[in-house]
């Protein structure tokens, strides 16, 4: 398997370059949130790379706690609101925007619940072999509905988009989710985020195409 500190740092570097390219090519303010998606994953994968190093003794073990918190803060608190917000920002169809507004409200709720979980319950991260297992020791009656809502706000917005490339990203995210659940259920959040980081590179194509289309539409 390839999941390791080097894999996380490589993914972080790739997505950082993609994020800079996307932000540089973003011609409209509405596309900046979308363009920032690879940078979001660059930070997250950087945090997991540090976690790998700390858990193996290659850097001070004191870094493990902050790295774990940073990874889960991005995954559980920022991402649920970010997805519907960035999709809504670039959506032109009024009906789709209304549906995305509902998902955004649910995403904000999920982010608040995720933040509460990180603050209120013990958090663990164990590097086992070639995988990282994250855990938030919340009661089942809290954890299950929060997990279900997480999927509702992080995948459907992409599929609901009127933009073909956004839907392509959404389909790729669903495929990565299913693969991660079936093959790496115990390490799901780590593996899915790794795949999602690589998928986020597709954002560059969407942003650059939108910028080129806008430039062509402006009279010389």
N, C-alpha and C. Protein backbone atom coordinates (compact mmCIF):
# COMPACT_ATOMS: atom_id res chain seq x y z
N UNK A 1 0.84 -1.19 0.00
CA UNK A 1 0.00 0.00 0.00
C UNK A 1 0.88 1.25 0.00
N UNK A 2 0.32 2.37 -0.40
CA UNK A 2 1.12 3.59 -0.58
C UNK A 2 0.78 4.66 0.45
N UNK A 3 -0.05 4.34 1.46
CA UNK A 3 -0.45 5.37 2.41
C UNK A 3 0.64 5.50 3.48
N UNK A 4 1.27 6.66 3.51
CA UNK A 4 2.43 6.88 4.37
C UNK A 4 2.68 8.38 4.45
N UNK A 5 3.71 8.75 5.21
CA UNK A 5 4.07 10.16 5.29
C UNK A 5 4.43 10.70 3.91
N UNK A 6 5.21 9.93 3.15
CA UNK A 6 5.62 10.40 1.83
C UNK A 6 4.42 10.56 0.91
N UNK A 7 3.44 9.64 1.00
CA UNK A 7 2.23 9.75 0.17
C UNK A 7 1.43 11.00 0.54
N UNK A 8 1.32 11.26 1.84
CA UNK A 8 0.56 12.43 2.29
C UNK A 8 1.26 13.72 1.86
N UNK A 9 2.59 13.77 2.02
CA UNK A 9 3.31 14.99 1.62
C UNK A 9 3.28 15.18 0.10
N UNK A 10 3.34 14.08 -0.64
CA UNK A 10 3.25 14.18 -2.11
C UNK A 10 1.88 14.71 -2.52
N UNK A 11 0.82 14.19 -1.89
CA UNK A 11 -0.53 14.68 -2.17
C UNK A 11 -0.67 16.14 -1.79
N UNK A 12 -0.05 16.52 -0.67
CA UNK A 12 -0.10 17.91 -0.23
C UNK A 12 0.59 18.83 -1.24
N UNK A 13 1.75 18.41 -1.73
CA UNK A 13 2.46 19.22 -2.71
C UNK A 13 1.70 19.35 -4.01
N UNK A 14 1.14 18.22 -4.48
CA UNK A 14 0.37 18.23 -5.73
C UNK A 14 -0.83 19.15 -5.64
N UNK A 15 -1.58 19.03 -4.54
CA UNK A 15 -2.78 19.85 -4.40
C UNK A 15 -2.44 21.31 -4.12
N UNK A 16 -1.32 21.58 -3.49
CA UNK A 16 -0.91 22.97 -3.28
C UNK A 16 -0.62 23.65 -4.62
N UNK A 17 0.11 22.95 -5.49
CA UNK A 17 0.40 23.48 -6.83
C UNK A 17 -0.90 23.68 -7.61
N UNK A 18 -1.79 22.69 -7.53
CA UNK A 18 -3.08 22.79 -8.23
C UNK A 18 -3.90 23.97 -7.70
N UNK A 19 -3.87 24.15 -6.38
CA UNK A 19 -4.63 25.25 -5.78
C UNK A 19 -4.11 26.61 -6.21
N UNK A 20 -2.80 26.77 -6.26
CA UNK A 20 -2.22 28.03 -6.70
C UNK A 20 -2.58 28.29 -8.17
N UNK A 21 -2.51 27.23 -8.99
CA UNK A 21 -2.87 27.38 -10.41
C UNK A 21 -4.33 27.77 -10.55
N UNK A 22 -5.20 27.15 -9.75
CA UNK A 22 -6.63 27.45 -9.83
C UNK A 22 -6.92 28.88 -9.38
N UNK A 23 -6.31 29.29 -8.28
CA UNK A 23 -6.54 30.65 -7.79
C UNK A 23 -6.01 31.68 -8.78
N UNK A 24 -4.87 31.39 -9.39
CA UNK A 24 -4.30 32.31 -10.39
C UNK A 24 -5.21 32.42 -11.61
N UNK A 25 -5.85 31.30 -11.97
CA UNK A 25 -6.69 31.30 -13.15
C UNK A 25 -8.13 31.70 -12.90
N UNK A 26 -8.52 31.88 -11.64
CA UNK A 26 -9.91 32.24 -11.31
C UNK A 26 -10.19 33.67 -11.75
N UNK A 27 -11.12 33.85 -12.68
CA UNK A 27 -11.44 35.17 -13.22
C UNK A 27 -12.63 35.80 -12.53
N UNK A 28 -13.37 35.01 -11.77
CA UNK A 28 -14.58 35.53 -11.13
C UNK A 28 -14.49 35.28 -9.62
N UNK A 29 -14.96 36.23 -8.81
CA UNK A 29 -14.94 36.04 -7.36
C UNK A 29 -15.65 34.76 -6.92
N UNK A 30 -16.73 34.39 -7.64
CA UNK A 30 -17.50 33.20 -7.26
C UNK A 30 -16.68 31.92 -7.38
N UNK A 31 -15.61 31.95 -8.19
CA UNK A 31 -14.81 30.75 -8.40
C UNK A 31 -13.67 30.61 -7.38
N UNK A 32 -13.49 31.60 -6.52
CA UNK A 32 -12.35 31.54 -5.61
C UNK A 32 -12.49 30.47 -4.54
N UNK A 33 -13.72 30.29 -4.03
CA UNK A 33 -13.93 29.20 -3.07
C UNK A 33 -13.64 27.86 -3.72
N UNK A 34 -14.11 27.70 -4.93
CA UNK A 34 -13.86 26.47 -5.67
C UNK A 34 -12.37 26.28 -5.92
N UNK A 35 -11.71 27.35 -6.31
CA UNK A 35 -10.27 27.29 -6.58
C UNK A 35 -9.47 26.95 -5.34
N UNK A 36 -10.02 27.31 -4.18
CA UNK A 36 -9.32 27.02 -2.93
C UNK A 36 -9.45 25.58 -2.47
N UNK A 37 -10.28 24.79 -3.14
CA UNK A 37 -10.50 23.40 -2.73
C UNK A 37 -9.20 22.58 -2.68
N UNK A 38 -8.34 22.63 -3.70
CA UNK A 38 -7.08 21.88 -3.59
C UNK A 38 -6.21 22.36 -2.43
N UNK A 39 -6.22 23.66 -2.15
CA UNK A 39 -5.42 24.17 -1.03
C UNK A 39 -5.95 23.64 0.30
N UNK A 40 -7.25 23.48 0.39
CA UNK A 40 -7.86 22.88 1.58
C UNK A 40 -7.27 21.49 1.81
N UNK A 41 -7.22 20.70 0.76
CA UNK A 41 -6.68 19.34 0.91
C UNK A 41 -5.17 19.35 1.09
N UNK A 42 -4.49 20.35 0.56
CA UNK A 42 -3.04 20.46 0.77
C UNK A 42 -2.73 20.60 2.25
N UNK A 43 -3.50 21.45 2.94
CA UNK A 43 -3.31 21.62 4.38
C UNK A 43 -3.64 20.33 5.12
N UNK A 44 -4.73 19.70 4.73
CA UNK A 44 -5.16 18.48 5.42
C UNK A 44 -4.13 17.35 5.25
N UNK A 45 -3.63 17.17 4.04
CA UNK A 45 -2.65 16.12 3.81
C UNK A 45 -1.31 16.44 4.45
N UNK A 46 -0.97 17.73 4.54
CA UNK A 46 0.23 18.13 5.27
C UNK A 46 0.11 17.73 6.74
N UNK A 47 -1.08 17.97 7.32
CA UNK A 47 -1.31 17.60 8.72
C UNK A 47 -1.17 16.10 8.92
N UNK A 48 -1.71 15.32 7.98
CA UNK A 48 -1.61 13.87 8.14
C UNK A 48 -0.17 13.40 7.95
N UNK A 49 0.58 14.06 7.07
CA UNK A 49 1.99 13.72 6.93
C UNK A 49 2.76 13.94 8.23
N UNK A 50 2.48 15.06 8.90
CA UNK A 50 3.12 15.33 10.19
C UNK A 50 2.70 14.29 11.21
N UNK A 51 1.42 13.89 11.17
CA UNK A 51 0.94 12.85 12.08
C UNK A 51 1.71 11.54 11.88
N UNK A 52 1.93 11.18 10.61
CA UNK A 52 2.72 9.98 10.33
C UNK A 52 4.11 10.07 10.96
N UNK A 53 4.75 11.22 10.78
CA UNK A 53 6.11 11.40 11.31
C UNK A 53 6.12 11.34 12.84
N UNK A 54 5.14 11.98 13.46
CA UNK A 54 5.08 12.00 14.92
C UNK A 54 4.80 10.61 15.49
N UNK A 55 3.93 9.87 14.84
CA UNK A 55 3.56 8.55 15.35
C UNK A 55 4.70 7.54 15.18
N UNK A 56 5.61 7.80 14.23
CA UNK A 56 6.73 6.89 14.01
C UNK A 56 8.00 7.35 14.72
N UNK A 57 7.94 8.48 15.43
CA UNK A 57 9.08 8.96 16.18
C UNK A 57 10.07 9.76 15.37
N UNK A 58 9.72 10.10 14.14
CA UNK A 58 10.67 10.86 13.30
C UNK A 58 10.62 12.35 13.59
N UNK A 59 9.57 12.82 14.25
CA UNK A 59 9.53 14.17 14.82
C UNK A 59 8.97 14.02 16.23
N UNK A 60 9.05 15.09 17.01
CA UNK A 60 8.57 15.05 18.39
C UNK A 60 7.11 14.59 18.45
N UNK A 61 6.83 13.66 19.35
CA UNK A 61 5.47 13.12 19.49
C UNK A 61 4.46 14.18 19.86
N UNK A 62 4.93 15.33 20.38
CA UNK A 62 4.01 16.41 20.75
C UNK A 62 3.27 16.97 19.54
N UNK A 63 3.79 16.72 18.33
CA UNK A 63 3.13 17.20 17.11
C UNK A 63 1.91 16.37 16.75
N UNK A 64 1.76 15.19 17.33
CA UNK A 64 0.67 14.31 16.93
C UNK A 64 -0.70 14.90 17.25
N UNK A 65 -0.83 15.49 18.44
CA UNK A 65 -2.11 16.09 18.84
C UNK A 65 -2.55 17.21 17.91
N UNK A 66 -1.71 18.24 17.70
CA UNK A 66 -2.10 19.32 16.78
C UNK A 66 -2.36 18.83 15.36
N UNK A 67 -1.56 17.86 14.88
CA UNK A 67 -1.77 17.34 13.53
C UNK A 67 -3.11 16.62 13.42
N UNK A 68 -3.45 15.83 14.44
CA UNK A 68 -4.74 15.14 14.46
C UNK A 68 -5.88 16.13 14.46
N UNK A 69 -5.78 17.14 15.32
CA UNK A 69 -6.85 18.14 15.43
C UNK A 69 -7.01 18.91 14.12
N UNK A 70 -5.88 19.26 13.49
CA UNK A 70 -5.95 20.01 12.22
C UNK A 70 -6.64 19.18 11.14
N UNK A 71 -6.27 17.91 11.04
CA UNK A 71 -6.88 17.04 10.04
C UNK A 71 -8.39 16.93 10.26
N UNK A 72 -8.80 16.65 11.50
CA UNK A 72 -10.22 16.47 11.79
C UNK A 72 -10.99 17.78 11.74
N UNK A 73 -10.34 18.89 12.08
CA UNK A 73 -10.99 20.19 11.95
C UNK A 73 -11.34 20.46 10.49
N UNK A 74 -10.40 20.15 9.60
CA UNK A 74 -10.67 20.34 8.18
C UNK A 74 -11.77 19.40 7.69
N UNK A 75 -11.68 18.11 8.08
CA UNK A 75 -12.61 17.11 7.58
C UNK A 75 -14.00 17.24 8.17
N UNK A 76 -14.08 17.50 9.47
CA UNK A 76 -15.36 17.43 10.18
C UNK A 76 -16.03 18.78 10.40
N UNK A 77 -15.26 19.85 10.37
CA UNK A 77 -15.83 21.18 10.67
C UNK A 77 -15.88 22.07 9.42
N UNK A 78 -14.79 22.18 8.69
CA UNK A 78 -14.76 23.08 7.54
C UNK A 78 -15.42 22.48 6.29
N UNK A 79 -15.13 21.22 6.00
CA UNK A 79 -15.57 20.62 4.76
C UNK A 79 -17.10 20.56 4.60
N UNK A 80 -17.88 20.21 5.64
CA UNK A 80 -19.34 20.11 5.47
C UNK A 80 -20.00 21.41 5.03
N UNK A 81 -19.51 22.54 5.47
CA UNK A 81 -20.08 23.83 5.03
C UNK A 81 -19.44 24.30 3.73
N UNK A 82 -18.17 23.98 3.55
CA UNK A 82 -17.43 24.44 2.36
C UNK A 82 -18.05 23.89 1.08
N UNK A 83 -18.39 22.59 1.06
CA UNK A 83 -18.87 21.97 -0.18
C UNK A 83 -20.13 22.65 -0.72
N UNK A 84 -21.22 22.71 0.06
CA UNK A 84 -22.42 23.37 -0.50
C UNK A 84 -22.21 24.85 -0.78
N UNK A 85 -21.33 25.51 0.00
CA UNK A 85 -21.08 26.93 -0.21
C UNK A 85 -20.37 27.17 -1.54
N UNK A 86 -19.33 26.37 -1.82
CA UNK A 86 -18.57 26.60 -3.06
C UNK A 86 -19.40 26.20 -4.28
N UNK A 87 -20.21 25.14 -4.16
CA UNK A 87 -21.05 24.74 -5.30
C UNK A 87 -22.12 25.80 -5.56
N UNK A 88 -22.73 26.30 -4.51
CA UNK A 88 -23.76 27.33 -4.64
C UNK A 88 -23.19 28.61 -5.25
N UNK A 89 -21.94 28.93 -4.90
CA UNK A 89 -21.33 30.17 -5.36
C UNK A 89 -21.21 30.23 -6.88
N UNK A 90 -21.02 29.08 -7.53
CA UNK A 90 -20.83 29.08 -8.98
C UNK A 90 -22.08 28.64 -9.73
N UNK A 91 -23.16 28.39 -9.01
CA UNK A 91 -24.39 27.91 -9.65
C UNK A 91 -25.23 29.07 -10.15
N UNK A 92 -25.71 28.97 -11.40
CA UNK A 92 -26.53 30.04 -11.97
C UNK A 92 -28.03 29.73 -11.93
N UNK A 93 -28.39 28.46 -11.96
CA UNK A 93 -29.80 28.06 -12.01
C UNK A 93 -30.50 28.36 -10.68
N UNK A 94 -31.59 29.15 -10.70
CA UNK A 94 -32.28 29.54 -9.44
C UNK A 94 -32.79 28.35 -8.64
N UNK A 95 -33.35 27.35 -9.32
CA UNK A 95 -33.86 26.18 -8.61
C UNK A 95 -32.77 25.41 -7.91
N UNK A 96 -31.66 25.20 -8.60
CA UNK A 96 -30.53 24.50 -7.99
C UNK A 96 -29.96 25.31 -6.84
N UNK A 97 -29.92 26.63 -6.99
CA UNK A 97 -29.40 27.48 -5.90
C UNK A 97 -30.26 27.37 -4.65
N UNK A 98 -31.58 27.28 -4.83
CA UNK A 98 -32.47 27.14 -3.66
C UNK A 98 -32.20 25.82 -2.95
N UNK A 99 -32.06 24.75 -3.73
CA UNK A 99 -31.75 23.45 -3.13
C UNK A 99 -30.40 23.47 -2.43
N UNK A 100 -29.43 24.14 -3.05
CA UNK A 100 -28.10 24.25 -2.45
C UNK A 100 -28.12 25.12 -1.21
N UNK A 101 -29.03 26.08 -1.14
CA UNK A 101 -29.16 26.90 0.07
C UNK A 101 -29.61 26.04 1.25
N UNK A 102 -30.52 25.11 0.98
CA UNK A 102 -30.96 24.19 2.03
C UNK A 102 -29.80 23.31 2.48
N UNK A 103 -29.05 22.79 1.51
CA UNK A 103 -27.90 21.95 1.85
C UNK A 103 -26.82 22.75 2.57
N UNK A 104 -26.68 24.03 2.23
CA UNK A 104 -25.72 24.88 2.92
C UNK A 104 -26.12 25.06 4.38
N UNK A 105 -27.41 25.28 4.64
CA UNK A 105 -27.88 25.41 6.02
C UNK A 105 -27.60 24.12 6.80
N UNK A 106 -27.85 22.98 6.16
CA UNK A 106 -27.55 21.70 6.80
C UNK A 106 -26.04 21.52 6.99
N UNK A 107 -25.27 22.01 6.03
CA UNK A 107 -23.82 21.93 6.14
C UNK A 107 -23.28 22.73 7.31
N UNK A 108 -23.85 23.91 7.51
CA UNK A 108 -23.45 24.74 8.66
C UNK A 108 -23.80 24.03 9.96
N UNK A 109 -24.99 23.42 10.00
CA UNK A 109 -25.38 22.65 11.18
C UNK A 109 -24.41 21.50 11.42
N UNK A 110 -24.06 20.78 10.35
CA UNK A 110 -23.11 19.67 10.49
C UNK A 110 -21.75 20.17 10.97
N UNK A 111 -21.32 21.31 10.48
CA UNK A 111 -20.04 21.88 10.92
C UNK A 111 -20.08 22.20 12.41
N UNK A 112 -21.19 22.76 12.87
CA UNK A 112 -21.33 23.08 14.30
C UNK A 112 -21.31 21.80 15.14
N UNK A 113 -22.00 20.77 14.66
CA UNK A 113 -22.02 19.50 15.38
C UNK A 113 -20.63 18.86 15.38
N UNK A 114 -19.93 18.97 14.25
CA UNK A 114 -18.58 18.44 14.19
C UNK A 114 -17.64 19.16 15.13
N UNK A 115 -17.77 20.49 15.19
CA UNK A 115 -16.96 21.27 16.13
C UNK A 115 -17.25 20.90 17.57
N UNK A 116 -18.53 20.71 17.87
CA UNK A 116 -18.92 20.29 19.22
C UNK A 116 -18.31 18.94 19.57
N UNK A 117 -18.35 18.00 18.62
CA UNK A 117 -17.81 16.66 18.86
C UNK A 117 -16.31 16.73 19.15
N UNK A 118 -15.58 17.55 18.39
CA UNK A 118 -14.13 17.66 18.62
C UNK A 118 -13.83 18.27 19.99
N UNK A 119 -14.69 19.19 20.43
CA UNK A 119 -14.45 19.85 21.70
C UNK A 119 -14.93 19.04 22.90
N UNK A 120 -15.98 18.24 22.70
CA UNK A 120 -16.63 17.59 23.84
C UNK A 120 -16.19 16.15 24.08
N UNK A 121 -15.66 15.47 23.06
CA UNK A 121 -15.37 14.05 23.20
C UNK A 121 -13.91 13.75 22.92
N UNK A 122 -13.38 12.66 23.50
CA UNK A 122 -11.99 12.29 23.25
C UNK A 122 -11.76 11.97 21.77
N UNK A 123 -10.61 12.40 21.28
CA UNK A 123 -10.23 12.19 19.88
C UNK A 123 -8.96 11.36 19.83
N UNK A 124 -8.92 10.37 18.94
CA UNK A 124 -7.74 9.52 18.81
C UNK A 124 -7.32 9.43 17.35
N UNK A 125 -6.05 9.11 17.16
CA UNK A 125 -5.51 8.86 15.81
C UNK A 125 -4.38 7.86 15.96
N UNK A 126 -4.54 6.71 15.33
CA UNK A 126 -3.54 5.65 15.43
C UNK A 126 -3.05 5.28 14.04
N UNK A 127 -1.74 5.36 13.84
CA UNK A 127 -1.14 4.93 12.58
C UNK A 127 -0.85 3.44 12.69
N UNK A 128 -1.60 2.65 11.91
CA UNK A 128 -1.49 1.20 11.98
C UNK A 128 -1.08 0.67 10.60
N UNK A 129 0.16 0.18 10.52
CA UNK A 129 0.62 -0.31 9.22
C UNK A 129 0.70 0.83 8.22
N UNK A 130 -0.13 0.76 7.19
CA UNK A 130 -0.13 1.78 6.14
C UNK A 130 -1.39 2.65 6.17
N UNK A 131 -2.03 2.72 7.32
CA UNK A 131 -3.27 3.48 7.43
C UNK A 131 -3.33 4.24 8.74
N UNK A 132 -4.18 5.29 8.76
CA UNK A 132 -4.42 6.03 10.00
C UNK A 132 -5.89 5.83 10.37
N UNK A 133 -6.11 5.45 11.62
CA UNK A 133 -7.47 5.27 12.11
C UNK A 133 -7.80 6.43 13.06
N UNK A 134 -8.76 7.26 12.65
CA UNK A 134 -9.21 8.37 13.48
C UNK A 134 -10.46 7.95 14.25
N UNK A 135 -10.59 8.48 15.44
CA UNK A 135 -11.77 8.16 16.23
C UNK A 135 -12.22 9.35 17.07
N UNK A 136 -13.53 9.56 17.12
CA UNK A 136 -14.13 10.54 18.02
C UNK A 136 -15.09 9.75 18.90
N UNK A 137 -14.80 9.65 20.17
CA UNK A 137 -15.53 8.76 21.07
C UNK A 137 -16.83 9.39 21.54
N UNK A 138 -17.73 9.64 20.59
CA UNK A 138 -19.05 10.21 20.88
C UNK A 138 -20.06 9.08 21.05
N UNK A 139 -21.14 9.31 21.80
CA UNK A 139 -22.18 8.29 21.94
C UNK A 139 -22.78 7.94 20.59
N UNK A 140 -23.21 6.70 20.44
CA UNK A 140 -23.77 6.23 19.17
C UNK A 140 -24.96 7.07 18.73
N UNK A 141 -25.83 7.45 19.67
CA UNK A 141 -27.03 8.21 19.32
C UNK A 141 -26.69 9.59 18.78
N UNK A 142 -25.51 10.08 19.09
CA UNK A 142 -25.04 11.34 18.53
C UNK A 142 -24.27 11.09 17.24
N UNK A 143 -23.40 10.10 17.27
CA UNK A 143 -22.48 9.87 16.15
C UNK A 143 -23.19 9.45 14.87
N UNK A 144 -24.15 8.54 14.95
CA UNK A 144 -24.77 7.99 13.74
C UNK A 144 -25.51 9.06 12.94
N UNK A 145 -26.43 9.84 13.56
CA UNK A 145 -27.10 10.87 12.75
C UNK A 145 -26.16 11.94 12.22
N UNK A 146 -25.12 12.27 12.99
CA UNK A 146 -24.15 13.25 12.53
C UNK A 146 -23.38 12.70 11.33
N UNK A 147 -23.03 11.42 11.35
CA UNK A 147 -22.33 10.80 10.22
C UNK A 147 -23.22 10.78 8.97
N UNK A 148 -24.50 10.46 9.15
CA UNK A 148 -25.42 10.43 8.01
C UNK A 148 -25.55 11.82 7.40
N UNK A 149 -25.71 12.83 8.24
CA UNK A 149 -25.83 14.19 7.75
C UNK A 149 -24.55 14.62 7.03
N UNK A 150 -23.42 14.14 7.48
CA UNK A 150 -22.13 14.46 6.85
C UNK A 150 -22.14 14.06 5.37
N UNK A 151 -22.62 12.85 5.10
CA UNK A 151 -22.67 12.40 3.71
C UNK A 151 -23.67 13.21 2.89
N UNK A 152 -24.77 13.61 3.52
CA UNK A 152 -25.80 14.39 2.82
C UNK A 152 -25.28 15.73 2.34
N UNK A 153 -24.41 16.36 3.11
CA UNK A 153 -23.97 17.72 2.77
C UNK A 153 -22.64 17.75 2.02
N UNK A 154 -21.92 16.63 1.95
CA UNK A 154 -20.61 16.66 1.30
C UNK A 154 -20.58 16.04 -0.10
N UNK A 155 -21.60 15.26 -0.46
CA UNK A 155 -21.62 14.63 -1.78
C UNK A 155 -22.74 15.15 -2.68
N UNK A 156 -24.02 15.13 -2.25
CA UNK A 156 -25.11 15.58 -3.12
C UNK A 156 -24.95 16.97 -3.73
N UNK A 157 -24.37 17.96 -3.00
CA UNK A 157 -24.21 19.28 -3.64
C UNK A 157 -23.42 19.21 -4.95
N UNK A 158 -22.38 18.38 -4.99
CA UNK A 158 -21.58 18.25 -6.21
C UNK A 158 -22.40 17.65 -7.35
N UNK A 159 -23.22 16.65 -7.02
CA UNK A 159 -24.03 15.99 -8.03
C UNK A 159 -25.19 16.86 -8.49
N UNK A 160 -25.60 17.80 -7.63
CA UNK A 160 -26.72 18.67 -7.95
C UNK A 160 -26.32 19.84 -8.85
N UNK A 161 -25.03 20.09 -8.96
CA UNK A 161 -24.54 21.24 -9.72
C UNK A 161 -24.97 21.18 -11.18
N UNK A 162 -25.17 22.36 -11.76
CA UNK A 162 -25.47 22.46 -13.17
C UNK A 162 -24.23 22.41 -14.04
N UNK A 163 -23.05 22.36 -13.43
CA UNK A 163 -21.79 22.32 -14.18
C UNK A 163 -21.33 20.87 -14.34
N UNK A 164 -21.07 20.49 -15.57
CA UNK A 164 -20.70 19.10 -15.86
C UNK A 164 -19.46 18.68 -15.08
N UNK A 165 -18.42 19.51 -15.07
CA UNK A 165 -17.19 19.13 -14.39
C UNK A 165 -17.41 18.95 -12.89
N UNK A 166 -18.29 19.75 -12.30
CA UNK A 166 -18.59 19.60 -10.88
C UNK A 166 -19.25 18.24 -10.63
N UNK A 167 -20.13 17.84 -11.55
CA UNK A 167 -20.78 16.54 -11.40
C UNK A 167 -19.76 15.41 -11.58
N UNK A 168 -18.80 15.60 -12.48
CA UNK A 168 -17.73 14.61 -12.66
C UNK A 168 -16.96 14.45 -11.35
N UNK A 169 -16.63 15.57 -10.72
CA UNK A 169 -15.94 15.53 -9.43
C UNK A 169 -16.81 14.80 -8.41
N UNK A 170 -18.12 15.08 -8.43
CA UNK A 170 -19.03 14.43 -7.50
C UNK A 170 -19.07 12.92 -7.70
N UNK A 171 -19.14 12.48 -8.94
CA UNK A 171 -19.16 11.04 -9.23
C UNK A 171 -17.85 10.39 -8.76
N UNK A 172 -16.73 11.07 -8.99
CA UNK A 172 -15.44 10.55 -8.54
C UNK A 172 -15.40 10.46 -7.01
N UNK A 173 -15.99 11.45 -6.35
CA UNK A 173 -16.04 11.43 -4.88
C UNK A 173 -16.89 10.26 -4.37
N UNK A 174 -18.01 10.01 -5.05
CA UNK A 174 -18.86 8.88 -4.66
C UNK A 174 -18.11 7.56 -4.84
N UNK A 175 -17.42 7.42 -5.97
CA UNK A 175 -16.66 6.20 -6.23
C UNK A 175 -15.58 6.00 -5.16
N UNK A 176 -14.89 7.10 -4.80
CA UNK A 176 -13.86 7.01 -3.77
C UNK A 176 -14.47 6.67 -2.41
N UNK A 177 -15.65 7.22 -2.13
CA UNK A 177 -16.34 6.94 -0.88
C UNK A 177 -16.69 5.45 -0.79
N UNK A 178 -17.28 4.92 -1.85
CA UNK A 178 -17.68 3.51 -1.84
C UNK A 178 -16.46 2.59 -1.71
N UNK A 179 -15.41 2.90 -2.48
CA UNK A 179 -14.18 2.11 -2.42
C UNK A 179 -13.58 2.15 -1.01
N UNK A 180 -13.55 3.35 -0.42
CA UNK A 180 -12.96 3.49 0.91
C UNK A 180 -13.77 2.74 1.95
N UNK A 181 -15.11 2.81 1.83
CA UNK A 181 -15.98 2.11 2.77
C UNK A 181 -15.85 0.60 2.65
N UNK A 182 -15.78 0.10 1.42
CA UNK A 182 -15.74 -1.35 1.21
C UNK A 182 -14.39 -1.95 1.59
N UNK A 183 -13.31 -1.25 1.25
CA UNK A 183 -11.98 -1.83 1.42
C UNK A 183 -11.24 -1.35 2.67
N UNK A 184 -11.59 -0.15 3.15
CA UNK A 184 -10.84 0.43 4.28
C UNK A 184 -11.80 1.01 5.32
N UNK A 185 -12.84 0.28 5.68
CA UNK A 185 -13.88 0.85 6.54
C UNK A 185 -13.33 1.35 7.88
N UNK A 186 -12.35 0.66 8.42
CA UNK A 186 -11.80 1.06 9.72
C UNK A 186 -11.00 2.35 9.62
N UNK A 187 -10.51 2.64 8.43
CA UNK A 187 -9.67 3.83 8.22
C UNK A 187 -10.34 4.79 7.24
N UNK A 188 -11.65 4.74 7.19
CA UNK A 188 -12.41 5.39 6.12
C UNK A 188 -12.07 6.86 5.93
N UNK A 189 -12.13 7.67 6.98
CA UNK A 189 -11.99 9.12 6.83
C UNK A 189 -10.62 9.49 6.27
N UNK A 190 -9.58 8.76 6.71
CA UNK A 190 -8.23 9.04 6.22
C UNK A 190 -8.10 8.69 4.73
N UNK A 191 -8.58 7.50 4.35
CA UNK A 191 -8.43 7.03 2.97
C UNK A 191 -9.29 7.87 2.02
N UNK A 192 -10.54 8.14 2.43
CA UNK A 192 -11.41 8.92 1.55
C UNK A 192 -10.85 10.32 1.32
N UNK A 193 -10.32 10.93 2.38
CA UNK A 193 -9.75 12.27 2.23
C UNK A 193 -8.52 12.25 1.33
N UNK A 194 -7.75 11.16 1.39
CA UNK A 194 -6.59 11.06 0.50
C UNK A 194 -7.03 11.02 -0.96
N UNK A 195 -8.02 10.17 -1.26
CA UNK A 195 -8.54 10.10 -2.63
C UNK A 195 -9.18 11.43 -3.04
N UNK A 196 -9.92 12.04 -2.11
CA UNK A 196 -10.58 13.31 -2.41
C UNK A 196 -9.55 14.39 -2.73
N UNK A 197 -8.42 14.36 -2.05
CA UNK A 197 -7.36 15.32 -2.33
C UNK A 197 -6.89 15.20 -3.77
N UNK A 198 -6.69 13.97 -4.23
CA UNK A 198 -6.25 13.76 -5.61
C UNK A 198 -7.33 14.18 -6.60
N UNK A 199 -8.59 13.89 -6.27
CA UNK A 199 -9.71 14.27 -7.14
C UNK A 199 -9.83 15.78 -7.26
N UNK A 200 -9.48 16.49 -6.19
CA UNK A 200 -9.65 17.95 -6.17
C UNK A 200 -8.81 18.65 -7.24
N UNK A 201 -7.80 17.96 -7.77
CA UNK A 201 -6.97 18.55 -8.82
C UNK A 201 -7.82 18.87 -10.05
N UNK A 202 -8.94 18.15 -10.24
CA UNK A 202 -9.83 18.41 -11.37
C UNK A 202 -10.42 19.82 -11.33
N UNK A 203 -10.42 20.43 -10.15
CA UNK A 203 -10.93 21.79 -10.01
C UNK A 203 -10.17 22.75 -10.91
N UNK A 204 -8.88 22.51 -11.07
CA UNK A 204 -8.07 23.39 -11.91
C UNK A 204 -8.65 23.47 -13.32
N UNK A 205 -9.01 22.33 -13.87
CA UNK A 205 -9.57 22.28 -15.21
C UNK A 205 -10.86 23.10 -15.29
N UNK A 206 -11.72 22.93 -14.28
CA UNK A 206 -12.99 23.65 -14.30
C UNK A 206 -12.79 25.16 -14.21
N UNK A 207 -11.91 25.58 -13.31
CA UNK A 207 -11.68 27.02 -13.11
C UNK A 207 -11.04 27.64 -14.34
N UNK A 208 -10.06 26.96 -14.93
CA UNK A 208 -9.38 27.50 -16.10
C UNK A 208 -10.32 27.56 -17.31
N UNK A 209 -11.18 26.56 -17.45
CA UNK A 209 -12.15 26.58 -18.55
C UNK A 209 -13.13 27.74 -18.38
N UNK A 210 -13.58 27.95 -17.13
CA UNK A 210 -14.50 29.05 -16.87
C UNK A 210 -13.84 30.39 -17.16
N UNK A 211 -12.56 30.51 -16.78
CA UNK A 211 -11.84 31.74 -17.04
C UNK A 211 -11.66 32.00 -18.53
N UNK A 212 -11.36 30.93 -19.28
CA UNK A 212 -11.19 31.07 -20.72
C UNK A 212 -12.50 31.46 -21.39
N UNK A 213 -13.60 30.85 -20.94
CA UNK A 213 -14.91 31.17 -21.51
C UNK A 213 -15.28 32.61 -21.24
N UNK A 214 -14.97 33.08 -20.03
CA UNK A 214 -15.27 34.46 -19.68
C UNK A 214 -14.44 35.44 -20.52
N UNK A 215 -13.18 35.08 -20.74
CA UNK A 215 -12.31 35.96 -21.54
C UNK A 215 -12.81 36.05 -22.98
N UNK A 216 -13.29 34.93 -23.52
CA UNK A 216 -13.81 34.94 -24.89
C UNK A 216 -15.09 35.75 -25.02
N UNK A 217 -15.86 35.79 -23.91
CA UNK A 217 -17.14 36.50 -23.94
C UNK A 217 -16.98 38.01 -23.84
N UNK A 218 -15.82 38.46 -23.36
CA UNK A 218 -15.58 39.90 -23.20
C UNK A 218 -15.16 40.49 -24.56
N UNK A 219 -15.84 41.51 -25.05
CA UNK A 219 -15.47 42.10 -26.34
C UNK A 219 -14.06 42.67 -26.33
N UNK A 220 -13.37 42.50 -27.42
CA UNK A 220 -11.99 43.02 -27.51
C UNK A 220 -11.99 44.54 -27.56
